[in-house]
Protein backbone atom coordinates (compact mmCIF):
# COMPACT_ATOMS: atom_id res chain seq x y z
CA MET A 1 -0.04 0.00 -0.05
CA ALA A 2 1.47 3.26 -1.07
CA ASN A 3 2.06 6.01 1.29
CA LEU A 4 -0.09 9.26 1.11
CA VAL A 5 2.01 11.06 3.86
CA GLU A 6 5.72 10.83 4.44
CA ILE A 7 7.21 13.09 7.20
CA ARG A 8 10.84 12.95 7.63
CA ASP A 9 13.10 14.45 10.29
CA LEU A 10 10.51 17.30 10.98
CA LYS A 11 11.73 20.09 13.15
CA VAL A 12 9.58 23.12 14.30
CA GLU A 13 11.05 26.16 16.29
CA ALA A 14 9.21 28.50 18.34
CA LYS A 15 10.22 31.92 19.89
CA THR A 16 9.72 32.13 23.76
CA ASP A 17 8.49 35.23 25.58
CA SER A 18 12.03 36.23 26.23
CA GLY A 19 12.92 36.00 22.53
CA ARG A 20 14.85 32.71 22.76
CA ILE A 21 14.44 30.30 19.89
CA VAL A 22 13.69 26.77 21.05
CA GLU A 23 13.04 23.56 19.13
CA ILE A 24 9.61 22.17 20.08
CA ILE A 25 9.33 19.33 17.31
CA ARG A 26 12.73 17.48 17.34
CA GLY A 27 13.35 15.13 14.18
CA VAL A 28 9.91 13.48 13.75
CA SER A 29 9.37 10.98 11.05
CA PHE A 30 6.35 8.63 10.18
CA ASP A 31 4.16 7.74 7.34
CA VAL A 32 0.40 7.69 6.65
CA ALA A 33 -0.72 4.96 3.95
CA GLU A 34 -3.58 5.60 1.56
CA GLY A 35 -6.78 4.77 3.62
CA GLU A 36 -5.00 4.52 6.90
CA ILE A 37 -5.83 6.44 10.09
CA VAL A 38 -2.84 7.18 12.35
CA ALA A 39 -3.38 8.69 15.79
CA LEU A 40 -1.06 11.16 17.43
CA ILE A 41 -1.27 10.90 21.20
CA GLY A 42 0.53 12.50 24.09
CA GLU A 43 0.10 14.90 26.93
CA SER A 44 -0.56 18.66 26.43
CA GLY A 45 2.47 20.37 24.81
CA SER A 46 3.77 17.00 23.31
CA GLY A 47 3.54 18.64 19.77
CA LYS A 48 0.48 16.56 18.51
CA THR A 49 -1.40 19.54 17.04
CA THR A 50 1.79 21.18 15.84
CA ILE A 51 2.70 18.21 13.86
CA ALA A 52 -0.81 17.76 12.39
CA LEU A 53 -0.87 21.26 11.26
CA THR A 54 2.34 21.05 9.23
CA LEU A 55 0.64 18.57 6.94
CA MET A 56 -1.29 21.72 5.80
CA GLY A 57 1.93 23.66 5.54
CA HIS A 58 0.95 25.70 8.56
CA ALA A 59 2.66 26.66 11.74
CA ARG A 60 1.09 28.55 14.70
CA PRO A 61 2.14 32.26 15.30
CA GLY A 62 5.56 32.44 16.65
CA CYS A 63 6.54 29.14 15.27
CA ARG A 64 8.34 27.98 11.96
CA ILE A 65 9.04 24.89 10.21
CA SER A 66 12.75 24.89 10.49
CA GLY A 67 13.79 21.44 8.98
CA GLY A 68 12.81 18.18 7.48
CA SER A 69 10.04 17.39 4.84
CA VAL A 70 6.33 16.88 5.02
CA MET A 71 5.32 15.19 1.74
CA LEU A 72 1.62 14.94 1.08
CA ASP A 73 0.93 13.13 -2.16
CA GLY A 74 4.29 13.91 -3.46
CA LYS A 75 4.14 17.53 -2.56
CA ASP A 76 6.40 18.98 0.31
CA MET A 77 3.99 21.10 2.42
CA ALA A 78 7.01 22.50 4.39
CA SER A 79 8.54 24.10 1.31
CA LEU A 80 5.69 24.99 -1.19
CA PRO A 81 4.78 28.60 -1.89
CA GLU A 82 1.83 29.75 0.37
CA ARG A 83 -0.19 30.34 -2.79
CA LYS A 84 0.13 26.64 -3.78
CA ARG A 85 -0.51 25.47 -0.08
CA ALA A 86 -3.72 27.44 -0.06
CA GLY A 87 -4.98 25.56 -3.18
CA ILE A 88 -4.30 22.21 -1.50
CA ARG A 89 -6.11 23.15 1.93
CA GLY A 90 -9.69 22.14 1.59
CA THR A 91 -9.04 19.95 -1.45
CA ASP A 92 -6.24 17.45 -0.85
CA VAL A 93 -6.10 17.98 2.94
CA ALA A 94 -8.80 19.17 5.40
CA TYR A 95 -9.09 19.89 9.09
CA VAL A 96 -11.75 19.13 11.72
CA PRO A 97 -11.04 21.34 14.76
CA GLN A 98 -11.39 20.48 18.44
CA SER A 99 -14.04 23.23 18.89
CA ALA A 100 -16.70 23.04 16.19
CA ALA A 101 -18.55 26.00 18.12
CA ALA A 102 -15.45 28.33 17.44
CA ALA A 103 -15.19 27.07 13.84
CA PHE A 104 -18.59 28.15 12.77
CA ASN A 105 -19.92 31.72 12.09
CA PRO A 106 -22.90 32.26 14.09
CA ALA A 107 -24.30 34.70 11.44
CA GLN A 108 -24.46 32.25 8.57
CA THR A 109 -26.53 29.18 8.04
CA ILE A 110 -24.82 25.73 8.23
CA MET A 111 -25.32 24.95 4.60
CA GLU A 112 -23.61 28.21 3.52
CA GLN A 113 -20.42 27.31 5.56
CA VAL A 114 -20.40 23.63 4.65
CA ILE A 115 -20.24 24.40 1.00
CA GLU A 116 -18.04 27.43 1.12
CA ILE A 117 -15.00 25.47 0.30
CA THR A 118 -16.53 24.28 -3.07
CA ARG A 119 -17.11 27.82 -4.02
CA ILE A 120 -13.70 29.13 -2.99
CA HIS A 121 -11.93 26.49 -5.05
CA GLY A 122 -14.50 26.26 -7.96
CA LEU A 123 -14.94 22.36 -7.21
CA ILE A 124 -18.71 21.92 -8.25
CA PRO A 125 -21.60 24.24 -8.86
CA PRO A 126 -23.67 25.46 -5.81
CA GLU A 127 -26.59 23.25 -6.48
CA GLN A 128 -24.62 20.14 -6.81
CA ALA A 129 -22.61 21.12 -3.63
CA ARG A 130 -25.80 21.37 -1.67
CA ILE A 131 -26.77 17.90 -2.94
CA ARG A 132 -23.44 16.51 -1.96
CA ALA A 133 -23.77 18.14 1.48
CA VAL A 134 -27.18 16.37 2.11
CA GLU A 135 -25.49 13.09 1.19
CA LEU A 136 -22.74 13.70 3.74
CA PHE A 137 -25.29 14.69 6.53
CA LYS A 138 -26.97 11.40 5.67
CA ALA A 139 -23.58 9.47 5.96
CA LEU A 140 -22.81 11.30 9.23
CA SER A 141 -26.18 10.25 10.73
CA LEU A 142 -27.40 13.70 11.12
CA PRO A 143 -31.04 14.21 11.96
CA ASN A 144 -33.21 15.83 9.31
CA PRO A 145 -30.36 15.81 6.59
CA GLU A 146 -32.71 17.62 4.08
CA THR A 147 -33.29 20.72 6.33
CA ILE A 148 -30.48 20.93 9.07
CA GLY A 149 -28.44 22.94 6.70
CA ALA A 150 -31.06 25.84 6.88
CA ARG A 151 -30.34 26.14 10.67
CA TYR A 152 -27.78 28.34 12.36
CA PRO A 153 -24.99 26.90 14.50
CA HIS A 154 -26.55 27.79 17.73
CA GLN A 155 -29.69 25.69 16.74
CA VAL A 156 -27.89 22.25 16.71
CA SER A 157 -26.32 20.17 19.57
CA GLY A 158 -22.62 20.09 20.11
CA GLY A 159 -22.54 16.41 18.70
CA GLN A 160 -24.39 17.46 15.67
CA LEU A 161 -22.08 20.57 15.16
CA GLN A 162 -19.05 18.39 15.41
CA ARG A 163 -20.36 16.17 12.70
CA LEU A 164 -21.26 19.14 10.56
CA SER A 165 -17.64 20.39 10.91
CA ALA A 166 -16.64 17.03 9.48
CA ALA A 167 -19.05 17.46 6.64
CA MET A 168 -17.35 20.82 5.98
CA ALA A 169 -14.07 18.99 5.87
CA LEU A 170 -15.29 16.13 3.62
CA ILE A 171 -17.18 18.09 1.05
CA GLY A 172 -14.05 18.95 -1.10
CA ASP A 173 -13.43 15.07 -1.43
CA PRO A 174 -9.84 15.39 0.42
CA LYS A 175 -7.27 12.52 0.35
CA LEU A 176 -6.24 13.33 4.08
CA VAL A 177 -8.38 14.55 6.89
CA ILE A 178 -6.78 15.79 10.20
CA PHE A 179 -9.04 15.41 13.29
CA ASP A 180 -7.98 17.42 16.21
CA GLU A 181 -9.40 16.15 19.40
CA PRO A 182 -12.96 16.28 17.75
CA THR A 183 -14.67 14.27 20.42
CA THR A 184 -13.20 15.54 23.70
CA ALA A 185 -16.31 17.77 24.51
CA LEU A 186 -18.84 15.33 23.82
CA ASP A 187 -20.86 12.93 26.23
CA VAL A 188 -20.31 9.22 25.82
CA THR A 189 -23.40 8.46 23.98
CA THR A 190 -22.94 11.35 21.48
CA GLN A 191 -19.27 10.44 21.28
CA ILE A 192 -20.11 6.98 19.98
CA GLU A 193 -22.46 8.25 17.47
CA VAL A 194 -19.78 10.63 16.21
CA LEU A 195 -17.09 8.02 16.08
CA ARG A 196 -19.21 5.63 14.27
CA ALA A 197 -20.11 8.33 11.67
CA PHE A 198 -16.43 9.33 11.32
CA LYS A 199 -15.30 5.56 10.93
CA SER A 200 -17.98 4.92 8.36
CA VAL A 201 -17.46 7.78 6.19
CA MET A 202 -13.67 7.43 6.25
CA ARG A 203 -13.61 3.78 5.46
CA ALA A 204 -16.22 4.03 2.84
CA GLY A 205 -14.18 6.71 0.96
CA ARG A 206 -10.76 5.06 1.82
CA ILE A 207 -9.79 8.48 3.01
CA SER A 208 -6.49 8.72 4.97
CA GLY A 209 -6.69 10.37 8.53
CA VAL A 210 -4.49 11.72 11.27
CA TYR A 211 -6.36 11.79 14.43
CA VAL A 212 -4.96 13.92 17.30
CA SER A 213 -6.26 12.87 20.80
CA HIS A 214 -5.28 12.34 24.35
CA ASP A 215 -8.04 9.67 24.78
CA LEU A 216 -6.59 6.25 24.16
CA ALA A 217 -10.09 4.69 24.47
CA VAL A 218 -11.27 6.75 21.58
CA VAL A 219 -8.08 6.22 19.54
CA ALA A 220 -8.53 2.54 19.95
CA GLN A 221 -11.87 2.59 18.07
CA ILE A 222 -10.69 4.55 14.81
CA ALA A 223 -6.83 4.29 14.49
CA ASP A 224 -4.93 1.64 12.59
CA ARG A 225 -1.60 2.70 14.16
CA ILE A 226 -0.55 5.04 16.99
CA VAL A 227 2.23 7.55 17.31
CA VAL A 228 3.16 8.31 20.83
CA LEU A 229 4.78 11.61 21.48
CA LYS A 230 6.29 13.48 24.37
CA GLY A 231 8.27 16.88 24.28
CA GLY A 232 8.16 16.95 20.56
CA GLU A 233 9.66 13.52 20.10
CA ILE A 234 8.35 10.15 19.13
CA GLN A 235 8.39 7.57 21.96
CA GLU A 236 6.85 4.67 20.17
CA ILE A 237 5.26 3.77 17.07
CA GLY A 238 3.00 0.77 16.41
CA LYS A 239 -0.22 -0.84 15.38
CA THR A 240 -3.05 -0.02 17.75
CA GLU A 241 -3.42 -3.54 19.14
CA GLN A 242 0.33 -3.77 19.93
CA ILE A 243 0.36 -0.30 21.54
CA LEU A 244 -2.63 -1.20 23.78
CA SER A 245 -1.65 -4.71 24.58
CA SER A 246 2.08 -4.61 24.93
CA PRO A 247 3.51 -1.12 24.98
CA GLN A 248 7.22 -0.94 25.05
CA HIS A 249 8.18 2.61 26.12
CA PRO A 250 7.73 3.58 29.70
CA TYR A 251 5.94 6.91 28.71
CA THR A 252 3.44 4.68 26.83
CA LYS A 253 2.70 2.42 29.91
CA GLN A 254 2.28 5.75 31.95
CA LEU A 255 -0.28 7.11 29.43
CA LEU A 256 -2.20 3.78 29.49
CA GLY A 257 -2.37 3.86 33.32
CA ALA A 258 -2.50 7.63 33.93
CA PHE A 259 -6.07 8.38 34.23
CA LYS A 260 -7.79 5.61 36.28
CA PRO A 261 -8.50 7.94 39.17
CA GLU A 262 -9.45 6.48 42.48
CA ALA A 263 -12.95 7.05 43.73
CA ARG A 264 -13.41 9.96 45.95
CA ALA A 265 -12.80 9.23 49.56
CA GLN A 266 -15.49 9.78 52.03
CA VAL A 267 -15.53 13.47 53.24
CA PHE A 268 -15.94 13.75 57.07
CA VAL A 269 -17.26 17.19 58.07
CA GLU A 270 -18.37 18.64 61.30
CA PRO A 271 -22.20 18.21 61.86
CA GLN A 272 -22.87 22.02 61.60
CA GLN A 273 -21.30 21.94 58.07
CA THR A 274 -23.34 19.46 56.43
CA ASN A 275 -26.27 21.87 55.54
CA ALA A 276 -26.79 22.56 51.69
CA ILE A 277 -24.86 25.32 50.14
CA LEU A 278 -27.28 25.03 47.00
CA GLN A 279 -30.84 23.95 46.73
CA VAL A 280 -32.52 23.92 43.38
CA GLN A 281 -36.20 23.18 43.42
CA ASN A 282 -38.51 22.47 40.61
CA LEU A 283 -36.52 24.41 38.07
CA VAL A 284 -38.13 25.12 34.74
CA ALA A 285 -36.04 26.79 31.99
CA GLY A 286 -35.84 27.09 28.19
CA TYR A 287 -36.03 29.27 25.14
CA GLY A 288 -38.55 30.92 22.97
CA PRO A 289 -41.79 32.88 23.80
CA ILE A 290 -43.50 32.35 27.24
CA GLN A 291 -46.58 30.45 26.80
CA ALA A 292 -50.15 30.90 28.59
CA ASP A 293 -48.98 28.58 31.42
CA GLY A 294 -45.96 30.50 32.13
CA THR A 295 -43.43 28.07 30.71
CA PRO A 296 -41.15 28.73 27.66
CA MET A 297 -42.08 27.18 24.30
CA ILE A 298 -38.94 24.93 24.25
CA GLN A 299 -38.30 23.49 27.63
CA ALA A 300 -34.75 22.39 28.28
CA LEU A 301 -35.36 21.90 32.18
CA ARG A 302 -38.60 20.34 33.42
CA SER A 303 -38.98 20.67 37.03
CA VAL A 304 -35.36 19.68 37.98
CA SER A 305 -34.48 19.61 41.79
CA VAL A 306 -30.95 19.01 43.07
CA GLU A 307 -29.12 19.75 46.18
CA VAL A 308 -25.19 20.20 47.00
CA GLU A 309 -23.97 20.15 50.66
CA ARG A 310 -20.97 22.20 51.75
CA GLY A 311 -17.77 20.65 51.04
CA ARG A 312 -19.42 18.02 48.87
CA ASN A 313 -19.80 17.43 44.99
CA LEU A 314 -22.56 16.55 42.69
CA GLY A 315 -21.89 15.09 39.21
CA ILE A 316 -24.39 15.75 36.45
CA ILE A 317 -24.26 13.34 33.53
CA GLY A 318 -26.33 12.64 30.44
CA GLU A 319 -26.18 12.96 26.71
CA SER A 320 -25.80 15.98 24.71
CA GLY A 321 -29.04 18.18 24.75
CA CYS A 322 -30.44 16.58 28.02
CA GLY A 323 -30.18 19.95 29.75
CA LYS A 324 -26.85 19.58 31.85
CA SER A 325 -25.42 22.76 30.77
CA THR A 326 -28.74 24.68 30.74
CA LEU A 327 -29.11 23.58 34.41
CA ALA A 328 -25.61 25.05 35.20
CA ARG A 329 -26.38 28.39 33.29
CA THR A 330 -29.73 28.64 34.98
CA ILE A 331 -28.35 28.22 38.46
CA ALA A 332 -25.73 30.87 37.59
CA GLY A 333 -28.38 33.26 36.16
CA ILE A 334 -27.21 33.36 32.62
CA ILE A 335 -30.56 31.80 31.49
CA PRO A 336 -33.36 33.12 33.82
CA ALA A 337 -35.57 30.38 35.17
CA ALA A 338 -39.27 30.54 34.13
CA SER A 339 -40.14 29.01 37.51
CA GLY A 340 -38.63 27.24 40.50
CA ARG A 341 -36.27 28.45 43.13
CA VAL A 342 -32.46 28.55 43.50
CA THR A 343 -31.29 28.93 47.15
CA PHE A 344 -27.61 29.62 47.62
CA ASP A 345 -25.97 29.86 51.15
CA GLY A 346 -29.41 30.39 52.65
CA GLN A 347 -30.43 33.18 50.20
CA THR A 348 -32.90 32.89 47.38
CA LEU A 349 -31.29 34.06 44.20
CA ALA A 350 -32.85 36.27 41.57
CA PRO A 351 -33.40 34.35 38.43
CA ALA A 352 -31.17 36.66 36.41
CA ALA A 353 -27.55 37.32 37.23
CA LYS A 354 -27.94 40.97 36.50
CA ALA A 355 -30.30 41.36 39.54
CA ARG A 356 -27.87 39.44 41.98
CA THR A 357 -25.51 41.04 44.53
CA ARG A 358 -21.78 41.25 43.71
CA ASP A 359 -21.09 38.84 46.52
CA GLN A 360 -23.51 36.40 45.14
CA LEU A 361 -21.95 36.59 41.71
CA ARG A 362 -18.49 36.15 43.31
CA GLU A 363 -19.29 33.17 45.42
CA LEU A 364 -21.03 31.21 42.68
CA GLN A 365 -18.77 30.77 39.56
CA ILE A 366 -19.04 28.93 36.41
CA VAL A 367 -16.27 27.56 34.20
CA PHE A 368 -17.59 26.97 30.64
CA GLN A 369 -17.08 24.02 28.53
CA TYR A 370 -15.50 25.80 25.52
CA ALA A 371 -12.57 27.73 26.55
CA ASP A 372 -12.23 28.98 22.85
CA THR A 373 -15.33 30.99 23.25
CA ALA A 374 -15.16 31.79 26.89
CA LEU A 375 -11.84 33.71 26.76
CA ASN A 376 -11.53 37.14 25.01
CA PRO A 377 -9.13 36.59 22.19
CA ALA A 378 -8.13 40.24 22.24
CA LYS A 379 -6.85 40.14 25.95
CA SER A 380 -3.71 38.59 27.43
CA VAL A 381 -3.98 35.92 29.97
CA GLY A 382 -2.88 38.42 32.61
CA ASP A 383 -5.76 40.75 31.71
CA ILE A 384 -8.26 37.73 31.70
CA LEU A 385 -7.24 36.99 35.23
CA GLY A 386 -6.86 40.36 36.41
CA ARG A 387 -10.41 41.55 35.60
CA PRO A 388 -12.01 39.48 38.43
CA LEU A 389 -9.30 40.33 40.80
CA THR A 390 -10.11 44.21 40.20
CA PHE A 391 -13.86 43.61 39.88
CA TYR A 392 -14.48 41.57 43.03
CA HIS A 393 -11.43 42.47 45.34
CA GLY A 394 -10.32 45.90 44.18
CA MET A 395 -6.75 44.66 43.43
CA ALA A 396 -4.27 46.67 41.39
CA GLY A 397 -0.69 46.95 40.70
CA GLU A 398 1.85 44.75 42.18
CA LYS A 399 -0.60 42.93 44.41
CA ARG A 400 -2.77 42.03 41.50
CA GLU A 401 0.32 40.87 39.44
CA LYS A 402 1.47 38.73 42.29
CA ARG A 403 -1.94 37.09 42.57
CA ILE A 404 -2.20 36.29 38.76
CA ASP A 405 1.13 34.54 39.28
CA GLU A 406 -0.31 32.59 42.08
CA LEU A 407 -3.51 31.69 40.03
CA LEU A 408 -1.29 30.47 37.16
CA GLU A 409 0.76 28.26 39.60
CA MET A 410 -2.43 26.87 41.06
CA VAL A 411 -3.53 25.60 37.62
CA ARG A 412 -0.03 24.24 36.76
CA LEU A 413 0.77 27.07 34.12
CA PRO A 414 4.16 28.84 33.92
CA LYS A 415 3.98 32.64 34.80
CA GLY A 416 5.31 33.58 31.35
CA LEU A 417 1.99 32.59 29.95
CA LYS A 418 0.32 35.79 31.39
CA ASN A 419 1.67 37.86 28.56
CA ARG A 420 0.25 35.62 25.84
CA ARG A 421 -3.24 35.74 24.20
CA PRO A 422 -5.66 32.66 23.98
CA SER A 423 -4.73 31.90 20.39
CA GLU A 424 -1.11 31.21 21.62
CA LEU A 425 -2.21 28.53 24.05
CA SER A 426 -3.03 24.86 23.49
CA GLY A 427 -6.61 23.68 24.19
CA GLY A 428 -5.56 22.39 27.57
CA GLN A 429 -3.82 25.49 28.58
CA LYS A 430 -6.88 27.62 27.69
CA GLN A 431 -9.08 25.50 29.71
CA ARG A 432 -6.81 25.84 32.80
CA VAL A 433 -6.95 29.66 32.28
CA ASN A 434 -10.67 29.37 32.16
CA PHE A 435 -10.59 27.62 35.51
CA ALA A 436 -8.05 30.03 37.09
CA ARG A 437 -10.45 32.95 36.25
CA ALA A 438 -13.21 31.37 38.29
CA LEU A 439 -10.62 30.69 41.29
CA ALA A 440 -9.71 34.38 41.09
CA ALA A 441 -13.19 35.28 42.47
CA GLU A 442 -12.60 33.19 45.55
CA PRO A 443 -15.94 31.27 45.28
CA LYS A 444 -17.75 28.83 47.56
CA LEU A 445 -19.31 26.84 44.71
CA ILE A 446 -18.02 26.21 41.23
CA LEU A 447 -20.08 24.99 38.38
CA CYS A 448 -17.70 22.98 36.23
CA ASP A 449 -19.02 22.26 32.77
CA GLU A 450 -16.68 19.73 31.18
CA VAL A 451 -13.62 21.38 32.61
CA THR A 452 -11.24 18.39 31.90
CA SER A 453 -12.70 17.54 28.43
CA ALA A 454 -9.94 19.34 26.64
CA LEU A 455 -6.96 18.03 28.70
CA ASP A 456 -4.78 15.13 28.14
CA THR A 457 -4.98 12.07 30.71
CA VAL A 458 -1.92 13.09 32.61
CA VAL A 459 -2.95 16.78 32.98
CA ALA A 460 -6.55 15.91 33.74
CA ALA A 461 -5.42 13.60 36.42
CA ALA A 462 -3.40 16.49 38.01
CA VAL A 463 -6.35 18.99 37.51
CA ILE A 464 -8.75 16.50 39.45
CA ASP A 465 -6.06 16.17 42.24
CA LEU A 466 -5.82 19.96 42.25
CA LEU A 467 -9.71 20.32 42.54
CA LYS A 468 -9.66 17.97 45.47
CA GLU A 469 -6.64 19.87 47.02
CA LEU A 470 -8.43 23.24 46.63
CA GLN A 471 -11.63 21.84 47.96
CA ARG A 472 -9.87 20.83 51.33
CA GLU A 473 -7.96 24.10 51.68
CA LEU A 474 -10.87 26.52 50.54
CA SER A 475 -14.12 24.47 51.68
CA LEU A 476 -15.28 24.50 48.19
CA SER A 477 -18.20 22.61 46.72
CA TYR A 478 -18.48 21.73 42.98
CA ILE A 479 -21.34 20.68 40.57
CA PHE A 480 -19.37 18.67 37.88
CA ILE A 481 -20.86 18.33 34.56
CA SER A 482 -18.87 15.69 32.59
CA HIS A 483 -19.26 12.96 29.94
CA ASP A 484 -16.22 11.26 31.40
CA LEU A 485 -17.57 9.00 34.07
CA SER A 486 -14.07 8.12 35.40
CA VAL A 487 -13.81 11.82 36.46
CA VAL A 488 -17.22 11.97 37.82
CA GLU A 489 -16.37 8.96 39.96
CA ALA A 490 -13.06 10.36 41.14
CA ILE A 491 -14.48 13.72 42.47
CA CYS A 492 -18.27 13.42 43.07
CA ASP A 493 -20.15 12.26 46.12
CA ASP A 494 -23.60 11.96 44.35
CA VAL A 495 -24.33 11.55 40.57
CA ALA A 496 -27.62 12.94 38.85
CA VAL A 497 -28.54 11.42 35.54
CA MET A 498 -30.49 13.67 33.20
CA TYR A 499 -32.38 12.88 30.09
CA ALA A 500 -34.60 15.12 28.07
CA GLY A 501 -34.58 17.86 30.48
CA GLU A 502 -35.45 15.71 33.54
CA LYS A 503 -33.49 14.28 36.31
CA ILE A 504 -34.37 10.68 35.97
CA GLU A 505 -32.04 9.02 38.66
CA GLN A 506 -29.64 10.01 41.26
CA LEU A 507 -27.15 7.47 42.78
CA PRO A 508 -23.75 7.26 44.44
CA PRO A 509 -20.58 6.90 42.09
CA SER A 510 -20.12 3.30 43.08
CA ALA A 511 -23.42 2.43 41.44
CA MET A 512 -22.45 3.74 38.07
CA GLY A 513 -21.43 0.28 36.83
CA ASN A 514 -24.26 -2.26 37.47
CA GLY A 515 -26.24 -0.43 40.18
CA ALA A 516 -28.37 1.87 37.81
CA SER A 517 -32.05 1.18 37.79
CA HIS A 518 -33.28 3.39 34.86
CA PRO A 519 -32.87 1.85 31.44
CA TYR A 520 -31.29 5.18 30.05
CA SER A 521 -28.75 5.19 32.87
CA GLN A 522 -27.91 1.50 32.16
CA LEU A 523 -27.23 2.57 28.38
CA LEU A 524 -25.25 5.54 29.34
CA PHE A 525 -22.80 3.46 31.57
CA SER A 526 -22.52 0.76 28.88
CA SER A 527 -21.36 3.37 26.30
CA VAL A 528 -18.01 4.22 27.95
CA PRO A 529 -15.46 3.27 25.34
CA LYS A 530 -12.98 0.53 26.21
CA LEU A 531 -9.43 0.23 25.55
CA ASP A 532 -10.14 -2.52 22.96
CA PRO A 533 -10.07 -1.91 19.11
CA THR A 534 -12.85 -4.22 18.50
CA TRP A 535 -15.38 -2.60 21.12
CA LEU A 536 -17.03 -0.13 18.79
CA ASP A 537 -17.64 -2.76 16.20
CA ARG A 538 -19.05 -5.30 18.76
CA LEU A 539 -21.23 -2.55 20.23
CA GLU A 540 -22.82 -1.93 16.84
CA GLN A 541 -23.66 -5.90 16.55
CA ASP A 542 -25.32 -5.70 19.94
CA PRO A 543 -29.19 -5.95 18.96
CA ALA A 544 -30.26 -4.34 22.46
CA LEU A 545 -27.91 -1.44 22.21
CA VAL A 546 -28.61 -0.92 18.48
CA ARG A 547 -32.31 -0.67 19.36
CA ALA A 548 -31.45 1.63 22.36
CA TYR A 549 -29.56 4.09 20.27
CA SER A 550 -32.01 4.12 17.43
CA GLY A 551 -34.86 4.69 19.79
CA ARG A 552 -33.49 7.58 21.58
C-alpha cells in the first residue's frame, strides 16, 4: 500500500516570551498509508497538533518549520509557496477542529458554511454542492439531513455541530483529513455516534486520516496505528493492538495507566457543616416565547431539583441536549428560570444574574465547556485573570500581578503565559486559564462544565487532584458536569443522571457500573469506550444497544 503522507526528520522552532528560539518538534518521522488512520497521542504540549498542522503547511504564530520534509501526495507542504498550499487546503487535505463551536460563523447558515470551500476552489456548482452536503449529512447520521443545513450553528447540539464540521471538511473530497481532538467535549453516547459516523465515512471513501487525541479509548476505536509523542519527540510507533496490549516505552505505559483515578474518599465534616450550600427546587427553563401556562415554548429543564452540601460535590451526566449545561447556566443566572427556586448559602437568588449582588456573583462561579469561546481573544492571560481580581477584590498594581502569578501556579501553568493571548495557548492551557479565572473570585461553589474535556489524561489527573486539594483548603463545593464517567467517579459524592430535561435518577458513584435502575442510565454506563480496538464494532452488533440508540 502506497504512502500518502511521508514526514521525515521534521523540526519546528518557536520563539519564547524572552525572545529565545527553542525547538519544539525534534526530528519526527512517520508515514500514513492511503486509506490508513494514524493517531497522534501524548500529553498537552507534546507536539500533537503542531505536527498535524504541518500537514497543511501551517505553523502557529511564533513558530516555524525549521527542518525536514512533510510530503503529502508527493508535494512538500513545508517548502511549497503559500499560494500553492492555499490551493491544497480544503481539497487534498482538510481539518476538523477541536471546537466546532468556534469554527462556525454564528451569522451564517450551516449550509452556507459547509459548501463554502467548493465555492472558494470552484470545485462544483452550488446546487450540486448542496446535494453533496445532504449526502454527507446522511452519511454522518445527522437528523433531518434535508433541512438541517438551513439552521444556524446555535440551533444544533454539540455532537451535531461536530459532525457538521466533518461534513465541511469532507465536502471537498480530500485525500487526508486531520481530526484535532474532535470528540473531547462530547458525552459518551454522543461520542459513540460521532465516532461511528467518522469511521464509516472514512472507511467508505478510503480516506486517510491523522487523529489527534489524548483519549486512548477513543483512539482504539478509529486508528490503525498510534504514534506516541512527548516533548516533541516520538516515543513509540506501532499498530493499535500492539500499543494497547504490549506497550514498550515507559511513557506509553504511563499514558495507558495515567487516568484511572481512585474514587473520591469519604469526606468527614463537622455536623454543623453538613447543611446545603445550594438547593434547586422544581426548576423550569428554556427558550422561545413564554406560553399561557408561564413555561417557555422549548423546555430545556422540566421541574429539576438537586441539592449540594457544603464541601461535597454533585456530578451531572447525560447525553448532549439533555439539559446539563442549561441547568448550570440557569443556576448561574445566565438563563433566567421560568419557574422554580435557587437557594444559595441560605439566600434565594434572583433568576437573572444582573439582579444578583456582587457577593452572590463572586461566590457562585461557572467554568464554561468551550474555552475557545469563553476567553476574550483580544486580551492577554494576565488581563483575563486580572479583571475578576479588580472587579471583586479591588486589586491593582503589584498585588494584582502577584495574585495572577499565584493563580497560574495553582492550575499548573508557567508565569510567562500571562503575556500571551488565548490563540497562543494549547486547548488544555486555555481550559486551565478558564478555571483560574473562576478561582480568582474566591468562590464557595464552582459549576464545572466539562472542565477536563480538553485536557490529556496526565494533565486531567493532575487537575482532578488540584480540585480535591483546593476543596480541602478552601472548603469549596462543585457541581461537576462531565461526559467522562471516571472523572465523575473520582471527584463526586453523588451523581444525577439527566435525560430530555429531567433528572431521572440519582445514585452514588459506586453504582455507576451495575447499580443503575433506569434503562437510560444503564445505556449511558454501557457506552463508555473501552481500551479495545474491537469494542465499537462489537457494540454495533449488540441488538439491544442498537435498538436503544435508534430509539433515543
